[in-house]
N, C-alpha and C. Protein backbone atom coordinates (compact mmCIF):
# COMPACT_ATOMS: atom_id res chain seq x y z
N MET A 1 7.23 0.89 16.33
CA MET A 1 6.53 0.56 15.17
C MET A 1 5.85 -0.87 15.76
N SER A 2 5.93 -1.91 14.66
CA SER A 2 5.05 -2.91 15.20
C SER A 2 3.78 -3.04 15.78
N GLY A 3 3.05 -1.95 15.49
CA GLY A 3 1.64 -1.73 15.36
C GLY A 3 0.89 -2.33 14.03
N LYS A 4 -0.38 -1.72 13.70
CA LYS A 4 -1.18 -2.25 12.91
C LYS A 4 -1.38 -0.79 12.17
N ILE A 5 -1.55 -0.98 10.62
CA ILE A 5 -1.81 0.20 9.69
C ILE A 5 -2.67 -0.12 8.84
N LYS A 6 -3.95 0.71 8.54
CA LYS A 6 -4.56 0.49 7.59
C LYS A 6 -4.09 1.20 5.99
N VAL A 7 -4.17 0.45 5.37
CA VAL A 7 -4.18 1.12 3.83
C VAL A 7 -4.82 0.95 3.18
N THR A 8 -5.43 2.23 2.26
CA THR A 8 -6.29 1.83 1.45
C THR A 8 -6.02 2.41 -0.14
N GLN A 9 -6.15 1.81 -0.97
CA GLN A 9 -5.86 2.23 -2.28
C GLN A 9 -6.94 3.04 -3.04
N LYS A 10 -6.06 4.31 -3.48
CA LYS A 10 -7.16 5.40 -3.63
C LYS A 10 -7.11 5.93 -5.40
N ARG A 11 -5.54 5.44 -5.92
CA ARG A 11 -5.65 5.56 -7.13
C ARG A 11 -5.20 4.48 -7.92
N SER A 12 -5.60 4.37 -9.36
CA SER A 12 -5.28 3.39 -10.35
C SER A 12 -3.75 2.67 -10.31
N THR A 13 -3.40 1.59 -10.43
CA THR A 13 -1.85 1.58 -10.99
C THR A 13 -1.75 1.44 -12.53
N ALA A 14 -2.54 1.55 -13.19
CA ALA A 14 -2.53 1.35 -14.68
C ALA A 14 -1.14 2.62 -15.36
N GLY A 15 -0.56 2.43 -15.72
CA GLY A 15 0.62 3.21 -16.48
C GLY A 15 1.52 3.46 -15.29
N GLN A 16 1.68 2.91 -14.09
CA GLN A 16 2.66 3.06 -13.14
C GLN A 16 3.72 2.16 -13.78
N LEU A 17 5.11 2.23 -13.35
CA LEU A 17 5.95 1.40 -13.45
C LEU A 17 5.68 -0.18 -12.56
N LYS A 18 6.64 -1.11 -13.24
CA LYS A 18 6.27 -2.29 -12.58
C LYS A 18 6.50 -2.79 -11.19
N ASN A 19 7.47 -2.29 -10.84
CA ASN A 19 7.86 -2.04 -9.50
C ASN A 19 6.77 -1.16 -8.29
N ILE A 20 6.18 -0.38 -8.94
CA ILE A 20 5.23 0.11 -8.07
C ILE A 20 3.71 -0.43 -8.11
N GLN A 21 3.50 -1.06 -9.08
CA GLN A 21 2.60 -2.35 -9.13
C GLN A 21 2.79 -3.34 -8.27
N ALA A 22 4.08 -3.76 -8.48
CA ALA A 22 4.19 -4.98 -7.64
C ALA A 22 4.16 -4.57 -6.16
N SER A 23 4.67 -3.45 -5.75
CA SER A 23 4.20 -3.25 -4.43
C SER A 23 3.04 -3.17 -3.71
N VAL A 24 1.83 -2.49 -4.68
CA VAL A 24 0.53 -2.37 -4.29
C VAL A 24 0.07 -4.19 -4.02
N ARG A 25 0.61 -4.55 -5.25
CA ARG A 25 0.20 -6.05 -4.76
C ARG A 25 0.44 -6.92 -3.68
N GLY A 26 1.49 -6.30 -3.59
CA GLY A 26 2.30 -7.00 -2.30
C GLY A 26 1.92 -6.91 -0.90
N LEU A 27 1.01 -5.79 -1.16
CA LEU A 27 0.67 -5.20 0.14
C LEU A 27 -0.85 -5.85 0.41
N GLY A 28 -1.04 -6.56 -0.74
CA GLY A 28 -2.48 -6.86 -0.97
C GLY A 28 -3.87 -6.48 -1.29
N LEU A 29 -3.65 -5.21 -2.00
CA LEU A 29 -4.53 -4.45 -2.81
C LEU A 29 -4.68 -4.52 -3.92
N ARG A 30 -5.91 -4.89 -4.58
CA ARG A 30 -6.54 -5.40 -5.78
C ARG A 30 -7.66 -4.25 -6.56
N ARG A 31 -7.91 -3.21 -6.01
CA ARG A 31 -8.41 -2.61 -6.93
C ARG A 31 -8.88 -1.08 -6.00
N ILE A 32 -9.21 0.07 -6.47
CA ILE A 32 -9.65 1.30 -5.74
C ILE A 32 -10.50 1.26 -4.77
N GLY A 33 -10.47 1.69 -3.72
CA GLY A 33 -10.99 1.36 -2.57
C GLY A 33 -10.88 0.21 -1.41
N HIS A 34 -10.00 -0.72 -2.05
CA HIS A 34 -9.52 -1.70 -1.21
C HIS A 34 -8.89 -1.49 -0.11
N SER A 35 -9.12 -1.81 1.32
CA SER A 35 -8.24 -1.56 2.18
C SER A 35 -7.96 -2.72 2.82
N VAL A 36 -6.88 -2.75 3.32
CA VAL A 36 -5.94 -4.04 4.07
C VAL A 36 -5.31 -3.23 5.82
N VAL A 37 -5.31 -4.15 6.56
CA VAL A 37 -4.66 -3.88 7.79
C VAL A 37 -3.70 -4.84 7.74
N VAL A 38 -2.25 -4.22 7.91
CA VAL A 38 -1.21 -4.79 7.61
C VAL A 38 -0.20 -4.39 9.02
N LEU A 39 0.69 -4.93 9.44
CA LEU A 39 1.65 -5.24 10.54
C LEU A 39 2.63 -3.66 10.10
N ASP A 40 2.86 -2.75 10.87
CA ASP A 40 3.85 -1.60 10.48
C ASP A 40 5.13 -2.40 10.84
N THR A 41 6.03 -2.54 9.88
CA THR A 41 7.01 -2.92 9.71
C THR A 41 7.91 -2.57 8.85
N ALA A 42 9.14 -2.46 8.73
CA ALA A 42 10.20 -2.00 8.04
C ALA A 42 9.82 -2.13 6.30
N PRO A 43 9.70 -3.36 5.94
CA PRO A 43 9.44 -3.94 4.39
C PRO A 43 8.10 -3.16 3.82
N ILE A 44 7.01 -3.49 5.05
CA ILE A 44 5.73 -2.68 4.64
C ILE A 44 6.35 -1.34 4.55
N ARG A 45 6.53 -0.87 5.10
CA ARG A 45 6.75 0.76 5.14
C ARG A 45 7.28 1.31 4.00
N GLY A 46 8.47 0.11 3.52
CA GLY A 46 9.10 0.54 2.14
C GLY A 46 8.05 0.70 1.14
N MET A 47 7.35 -0.69 0.90
CA MET A 47 6.48 -0.60 -0.47
C MET A 47 5.08 0.27 -0.10
N ILE A 48 4.93 0.86 0.97
CA ILE A 48 4.32 1.87 1.17
C ILE A 48 4.61 3.19 0.41
N ASN A 49 6.25 3.31 1.10
CA ASN A 49 6.74 4.86 0.50
C ASN A 49 6.80 4.51 -1.05
N LYS A 50 6.77 3.34 -1.26
CA LYS A 50 7.39 3.21 -2.90
C LYS A 50 6.07 3.87 -3.93
N ALA A 51 4.94 3.56 -3.17
CA ALA A 51 3.80 3.69 -4.06
C ALA A 51 2.68 4.86 -3.11
N SER A 52 3.47 5.43 -2.41
CA SER A 52 2.49 6.77 -1.43
C SER A 52 1.67 7.27 -2.56
N HIS A 53 2.05 8.08 -3.53
CA HIS A 53 0.78 8.55 -4.30
C HIS A 53 -0.20 7.82 -4.65
N LEU A 54 -0.60 6.59 -4.48
CA LEU A 54 -1.85 5.83 -4.86
C LEU A 54 -2.38 5.40 -3.75
N LEU A 55 -1.70 5.58 -2.41
CA LEU A 55 -2.41 5.04 -1.51
C LEU A 55 -2.99 6.02 -0.08
N ALA A 56 -3.64 5.59 0.94
CA ALA A 56 -3.82 6.52 2.10
C ALA A 56 -3.69 5.64 3.50
N VAL A 57 -3.27 6.24 4.14
CA VAL A 57 -2.15 5.14 5.18
C VAL A 57 -3.10 5.62 6.78
N GLU A 58 -3.30 5.02 7.45
CA GLU A 58 -4.27 5.53 8.78
C GLU A 58 -3.68 4.37 9.58
N LYS A 59 -3.67 4.65 11.12
CA LYS A 59 -3.40 3.74 12.13
C LYS A 59 -4.70 3.00 12.16
N ALA A 60 -4.57 1.79 12.58
CA ALA A 60 -5.81 0.47 12.44
C ALA A 60 -6.19 0.23 13.85
């Protein structure tokens, strides 16, 4: 791991469980279409897995 990945929010967090919303916010995403580049670590992967149905992930 320990590379970088680009995470993009593709769907809204409205109506999602609070822990899923918190995971998306924890990744630094604020709105649909917003992208961030983050380190590929185990805690980040956990947040991505929790909200995977809302996100798109690619190598940076």
